[in-house]
Amino acid sequence: MSELREFEPDLFTLEDEEGNEQTFELCDVYKEGDTTYFALIPQQLEDSSDEEDYFVILKRDDNDPDEYLDSIDDEEELDRLAEIFMQRILEDVEDEHECHDENCDCCH
């Protein structure tokens, strides 16, 4: 049974300033200085018609004992981090599909 739990996604239920809760799946974590950034994908409900793909980037000040996640208001910082996360995600996907067997049909 513990093997099955190994593949479960890391889910976080976050509450916005208006008290609305939404569940997100952790996609990636990136640390820069005293700040940790989290790329989160909104968990889609099966009956949801919203098929828009996006992720949310939140940050945490590692010196803050409350471990509060905050949004990023600076557009330049947000764009820079989105680029970093997209590159990291693409690298992970490429690594997963890399095959070293020359006789297979998957990518040769």
N, C-alpha and C. Protein backbone atom coordinates (compact mmCIF):
# COMPACT_ATOMS: atom_id res chain seq x y z
N MET A 1 0.82 -1.19 0.00
CA MET A 1 0.00 0.00 0.00
C MET A 1 0.87 1.26 0.00
N SER A 2 2.02 1.22 0.65
CA SER A 2 2.87 2.41 0.69
C SER A 2 3.39 2.77 -0.70
N GLU A 3 3.53 1.77 -1.60
CA GLU A 3 3.98 2.06 -2.95
C GLU A 3 2.98 2.93 -3.69
N LEU A 4 1.70 2.74 -3.44
CA LEU A 4 0.67 3.53 -4.10
C LEU A 4 0.72 4.99 -3.64
N ARG A 5 0.97 5.21 -2.37
CA ARG A 5 1.01 6.56 -1.83
C ARG A 5 2.17 7.35 -2.43
N GLU A 6 3.20 6.64 -2.87
CA GLU A 6 4.37 7.29 -3.44
C GLU A 6 4.02 8.09 -4.70
N PHE A 7 2.96 7.70 -5.40
CA PHE A 7 2.59 8.36 -6.65
C PHE A 7 1.45 9.35 -6.50
N GLU A 8 0.99 9.58 -5.30
CA GLU A 8 -0.08 10.55 -5.08
C GLU A 8 0.50 11.96 -5.19
N PRO A 9 -0.24 12.87 -5.81
CA PRO A 9 0.26 14.24 -5.94
C PRO A 9 0.23 14.97 -4.60
N ASP A 10 1.09 15.97 -4.48
CA ASP A 10 1.08 16.85 -3.30
C ASP A 10 -0.01 17.88 -3.53
N LEU A 11 -1.07 17.82 -2.72
CA LEU A 11 -2.20 18.73 -2.86
C LEU A 11 -2.22 19.73 -1.72
N PHE A 12 -2.56 20.96 -2.07
CA PHE A 12 -2.65 22.04 -1.09
C PHE A 12 -3.98 22.75 -1.28
N THR A 13 -4.70 22.95 -0.20
CA THR A 13 -5.92 23.75 -0.26
C THR A 13 -5.57 25.13 0.26
N LEU A 14 -5.72 26.11 -0.61
CA LEU A 14 -5.36 27.48 -0.26
C LEU A 14 -6.61 28.34 -0.19
N GLU A 15 -6.57 29.31 0.69
CA GLU A 15 -7.68 30.24 0.87
C GLU A 15 -7.24 31.62 0.42
N ASP A 16 -8.05 32.25 -0.46
CA ASP A 16 -7.70 33.59 -0.91
C ASP A 16 -8.17 34.63 0.10
N GLU A 17 -7.95 35.89 -0.21
CA GLU A 17 -8.27 36.98 0.72
C GLU A 17 -9.76 37.09 1.02
N GLU A 18 -10.60 36.55 0.12
CA GLU A 18 -12.05 36.61 0.31
C GLU A 18 -12.60 35.36 0.99
N GLY A 19 -11.71 34.43 1.38
CA GLY A 19 -12.15 33.23 2.07
C GLY A 19 -12.52 32.07 1.16
N ASN A 20 -12.30 32.22 -0.15
CA ASN A 20 -12.59 31.14 -1.09
C ASN A 20 -11.45 30.13 -1.09
N GLU A 21 -11.80 28.85 -1.02
CA GLU A 21 -10.79 27.80 -1.01
C GLU A 21 -10.69 27.15 -2.38
N GLN A 22 -9.46 26.81 -2.77
CA GLN A 22 -9.22 26.08 -4.01
C GLN A 22 -8.07 25.12 -3.76
N THR A 23 -8.15 23.95 -4.36
CA THR A 23 -7.12 22.94 -4.20
C THR A 23 -6.17 23.00 -5.39
N PHE A 24 -4.87 22.92 -5.08
CA PHE A 24 -3.82 22.98 -6.09
C PHE A 24 -2.90 21.78 -5.94
N GLU A 25 -2.31 21.38 -7.05
CA GLU A 25 -1.29 20.34 -7.05
C GLU A 25 0.07 21.00 -7.21
N LEU A 26 1.00 20.61 -6.36
CA LEU A 26 2.36 21.15 -6.44
C LEU A 26 3.05 20.61 -7.68
N CYS A 27 3.53 21.52 -8.50
CA CYS A 27 4.20 21.15 -9.75
C CYS A 27 5.72 21.23 -9.59
N ASP A 28 6.21 22.30 -8.96
CA ASP A 28 7.65 22.48 -8.83
C ASP A 28 7.93 23.48 -7.72
N VAL A 29 9.14 23.41 -7.17
CA VAL A 29 9.60 24.33 -6.13
C VAL A 29 10.96 24.86 -6.57
N TYR A 30 11.16 26.17 -6.43
CA TYR A 30 12.40 26.82 -6.83
C TYR A 30 12.82 27.77 -5.71
N LYS A 31 14.07 27.66 -5.27
CA LYS A 31 14.58 28.51 -4.19
C LYS A 31 15.57 29.51 -4.75
N GLU A 32 15.42 30.75 -4.29
CA GLU A 32 16.32 31.82 -4.71
C GLU A 32 16.54 32.72 -3.49
N GLY A 33 17.75 32.69 -2.97
CA GLY A 33 18.04 33.49 -1.77
C GLY A 33 17.21 33.01 -0.59
N ASP A 34 16.54 33.95 0.09
CA ASP A 34 15.70 33.63 1.24
C ASP A 34 14.24 33.45 0.85
N THR A 35 13.97 33.23 -0.43
CA THR A 35 12.60 33.08 -0.91
C THR A 35 12.45 31.74 -1.63
N THR A 36 11.37 31.05 -1.32
CA THR A 36 11.04 29.81 -2.02
C THR A 36 9.79 30.07 -2.84
N TYR A 37 9.84 29.69 -4.13
CA TYR A 37 8.73 29.88 -5.05
C TYR A 37 8.08 28.53 -5.34
N PHE A 38 6.76 28.54 -5.44
CA PHE A 38 5.99 27.33 -5.68
C PHE A 38 5.17 27.49 -6.95
N ALA A 39 5.29 26.54 -7.86
CA ALA A 39 4.44 26.49 -9.05
C ALA A 39 3.33 25.49 -8.74
N LEU A 40 2.10 25.97 -8.76
CA LEU A 40 0.94 25.15 -8.41
C LEU A 40 -0.04 25.11 -9.56
N ILE A 41 -0.61 23.95 -9.80
CA ILE A 41 -1.61 23.78 -10.84
C ILE A 41 -2.96 23.60 -10.16
N PRO A 42 -3.96 24.40 -10.54
CA PRO A 42 -5.29 24.21 -9.95
C PRO A 42 -5.79 22.81 -10.25
N GLN A 43 -6.31 22.15 -9.22
CA GLN A 43 -6.86 20.81 -9.42
C GLN A 43 -8.20 20.96 -10.13
N GLN A 44 -8.35 20.30 -11.26
CA GLN A 44 -9.56 20.40 -12.06
C GLN A 44 -10.56 19.34 -11.61
N LEU A 45 -11.79 19.74 -11.50
CA LEU A 45 -12.85 18.79 -11.22
C LEU A 45 -13.24 18.10 -12.51
N GLU A 46 -13.67 16.85 -12.41
CA GLU A 46 -14.00 16.08 -13.60
C GLU A 46 -15.09 16.74 -14.43
N ASP A 47 -16.03 17.41 -13.79
CA ASP A 47 -17.13 18.03 -14.53
C ASP A 47 -16.82 19.47 -14.93
N SER A 48 -15.58 19.90 -14.70
CA SER A 48 -15.20 21.27 -15.04
C SER A 48 -15.05 21.43 -16.54
N SER A 49 -15.63 22.49 -17.07
CA SER A 49 -15.50 22.76 -18.50
C SER A 49 -14.33 23.69 -18.79
N ASP A 50 -13.69 24.18 -17.75
CA ASP A 50 -12.53 25.07 -17.91
C ASP A 50 -11.31 24.23 -18.25
N GLU A 51 -10.90 24.26 -19.50
CA GLU A 51 -9.77 23.45 -19.94
C GLU A 51 -8.51 24.29 -20.11
N GLU A 52 -8.53 25.50 -19.60
CA GLU A 52 -7.38 26.39 -19.73
C GLU A 52 -6.23 25.86 -18.87
N ASP A 53 -5.06 25.69 -19.48
CA ASP A 53 -3.88 25.21 -18.77
C ASP A 53 -3.09 26.40 -18.24
N TYR A 54 -2.84 26.40 -16.95
CA TYR A 54 -2.02 27.45 -16.36
C TYR A 54 -1.53 26.97 -15.00
N PHE A 55 -0.53 27.65 -14.50
CA PHE A 55 -0.10 27.40 -13.13
C PHE A 55 0.02 28.72 -12.40
N VAL A 56 -0.05 28.63 -11.10
CA VAL A 56 0.01 29.78 -10.22
C VAL A 56 1.37 29.75 -9.53
N ILE A 57 2.00 30.90 -9.43
CA ILE A 57 3.28 30.99 -8.73
C ILE A 57 3.07 31.80 -7.46
N LEU A 58 3.41 31.19 -6.34
CA LEU A 58 3.34 31.87 -5.04
C LEU A 58 4.74 31.83 -4.42
N LYS A 59 4.97 32.74 -3.48
CA LYS A 59 6.28 32.78 -2.84
C LYS A 59 6.13 32.74 -1.33
N ARG A 60 7.22 32.28 -0.70
CA ARG A 60 7.27 32.23 0.76
C ARG A 60 8.61 32.81 1.20
N ASP A 61 8.55 33.74 2.13
CA ASP A 61 9.76 34.28 2.73
C ASP A 61 10.25 33.24 3.74
N ASP A 62 11.43 32.67 3.49
CA ASP A 62 11.95 31.60 4.36
C ASP A 62 12.29 32.09 5.76
N ASN A 63 12.36 33.39 5.95
CA ASN A 63 12.64 33.94 7.28
C ASN A 63 11.37 34.17 8.09
N ASP A 64 10.22 34.01 7.46
CA ASP A 64 8.93 34.21 8.12
C ASP A 64 8.51 32.91 8.82
N PRO A 65 8.38 32.92 10.13
CA PRO A 65 8.04 31.68 10.86
C PRO A 65 6.62 31.18 10.56
N ASP A 66 5.76 32.03 9.99
CA ASP A 66 4.38 31.61 9.71
C ASP A 66 4.26 30.80 8.42
N GLU A 67 5.31 30.77 7.60
CA GLU A 67 5.31 30.06 6.33
C GLU A 67 4.11 30.44 5.47
N TYR A 68 3.83 31.72 5.41
CA TYR A 68 2.71 32.26 4.65
C TYR A 68 3.07 32.34 3.18
N LEU A 69 2.21 31.81 2.29
CA LEU A 69 2.41 31.93 0.86
C LEU A 69 1.77 33.21 0.36
N ASP A 70 2.49 33.94 -0.45
CA ASP A 70 2.02 35.23 -0.92
C ASP A 70 2.06 35.27 -2.45
N SER A 71 1.18 36.07 -3.02
CA SER A 71 1.19 36.25 -4.47
C SER A 71 2.33 37.19 -4.84
N ILE A 72 2.64 37.21 -6.14
CA ILE A 72 3.71 38.06 -6.65
C ILE A 72 3.07 39.20 -7.43
N ASP A 73 3.26 40.42 -6.95
CA ASP A 73 2.64 41.58 -7.57
C ASP A 73 3.48 42.20 -8.68
N ASP A 74 4.79 42.01 -8.63
CA ASP A 74 5.70 42.59 -9.61
C ASP A 74 5.65 41.76 -10.90
N GLU A 75 5.16 42.36 -11.99
CA GLU A 75 4.99 41.66 -13.28
C GLU A 75 6.32 41.13 -13.82
N GLU A 76 7.39 41.90 -13.68
CA GLU A 76 8.69 41.46 -14.18
C GLU A 76 9.18 40.24 -13.41
N GLU A 77 9.02 40.26 -12.09
CA GLU A 77 9.41 39.11 -11.27
C GLU A 77 8.57 37.89 -11.64
N LEU A 78 7.28 38.09 -11.83
CA LEU A 78 6.38 36.99 -12.18
C LEU A 78 6.74 36.41 -13.55
N ASP A 79 7.00 37.26 -14.53
CA ASP A 79 7.39 36.79 -15.86
C ASP A 79 8.70 36.02 -15.81
N ARG A 80 9.65 36.52 -15.05
CA ARG A 80 10.96 35.85 -14.93
C ARG A 80 10.80 34.48 -14.31
N LEU A 81 10.00 34.38 -13.26
CA LEU A 81 9.79 33.10 -12.59
C LEU A 81 8.99 32.13 -13.45
N ALA A 82 8.01 32.64 -14.19
CA ALA A 82 7.24 31.78 -15.09
C ALA A 82 8.17 31.16 -16.12
N GLU A 83 9.11 31.93 -16.62
CA GLU A 83 10.08 31.43 -17.59
C GLU A 83 10.97 30.36 -16.97
N ILE A 84 11.40 30.59 -15.74
CA ILE A 84 12.24 29.61 -15.04
C ILE A 84 11.47 28.31 -14.85
N PHE A 85 10.24 28.40 -14.35
CA PHE A 85 9.44 27.19 -14.12
C PHE A 85 9.13 26.46 -15.42
N MET A 86 8.80 27.19 -16.48
CA MET A 86 8.51 26.54 -17.76
C MET A 86 9.73 25.79 -18.27
N GLN A 87 10.91 26.39 -18.16
CA GLN A 87 12.13 25.72 -18.59
C GLN A 87 12.38 24.46 -17.77
N ARG A 88 12.17 24.54 -16.46
CA ARG A 88 12.38 23.38 -15.60
C ARG A 88 11.38 22.27 -15.91
N ILE A 89 10.14 22.64 -16.18
CA ILE A 89 9.12 21.65 -16.51
C ILE A 89 9.45 20.97 -17.85
N LEU A 90 9.84 21.77 -18.83
CA LEU A 90 10.19 21.21 -20.14
C LEU A 90 11.40 20.28 -20.04
N GLU A 91 12.38 20.64 -19.23
CA GLU A 91 13.55 19.78 -19.03
C GLU A 91 13.15 18.46 -18.40
N ASP A 92 12.23 18.50 -17.41
CA ASP A 92 11.75 17.26 -16.78
C ASP A 92 11.04 16.37 -17.78
N VAL A 93 10.21 16.96 -18.63
CA VAL A 93 9.48 16.19 -19.64
C VAL A 93 10.45 15.56 -20.63
N GLU A 94 11.44 16.32 -21.06
CA GLU A 94 12.44 15.78 -21.99
C GLU A 94 13.22 14.65 -21.35
N ASP A 95 13.58 14.79 -20.08
CA ASP A 95 14.32 13.73 -19.38
C ASP A 95 13.48 12.46 -19.27
N GLU A 96 12.17 12.60 -19.05
CA GLU A 96 11.30 11.44 -18.93
C GLU A 96 11.20 10.69 -20.25
N HIS A 97 11.30 11.39 -21.37
CA HIS A 97 11.13 10.77 -22.67
C HIS A 97 12.45 10.38 -23.33
N GLU A 98 13.53 10.64 -22.65
CA GLU A 98 14.81 10.30 -23.23
C GLU A 98 15.02 8.79 -23.14
N CYS A 99 15.34 8.21 -24.26
CA CYS A 99 15.50 6.76 -24.34
C CYS A 99 16.90 6.46 -24.85
N HIS A 100 17.53 5.50 -24.23
CA HIS A 100 18.89 5.14 -24.62
C HIS A 100 18.94 3.81 -25.37
N ASP A 101 17.79 3.28 -25.70
CA ASP A 101 17.71 2.02 -26.44
C ASP A 101 17.51 2.34 -27.92
N GLU A 102 18.54 2.13 -28.73
CA GLU A 102 18.49 2.46 -30.15
C GLU A 102 17.53 1.57 -30.92
N ASN A 103 17.11 0.45 -30.35
CA ASN A 103 16.25 -0.49 -31.05
C ASN A 103 14.76 -0.25 -30.78
N CYS A 104 14.43 0.68 -29.92
CA CYS A 104 13.02 0.91 -29.62
C CYS A 104 12.40 1.85 -30.65
N ASP A 105 11.08 1.92 -30.66
CA ASP A 105 10.36 2.76 -31.61
C ASP A 105 9.88 4.08 -31.00
N CYS A 106 10.21 4.34 -29.76
CA CYS A 106 9.61 5.49 -29.07
C CYS A 106 10.10 6.84 -29.59
N CYS A 107 11.37 6.97 -29.90
CA CYS A 107 11.86 8.29 -30.28
C CYS A 107 12.99 8.25 -31.31
N HIS A 108 13.26 7.12 -31.88
CA HIS A 108 14.37 7.02 -32.83
C HIS A 108 13.86 6.89 -34.24
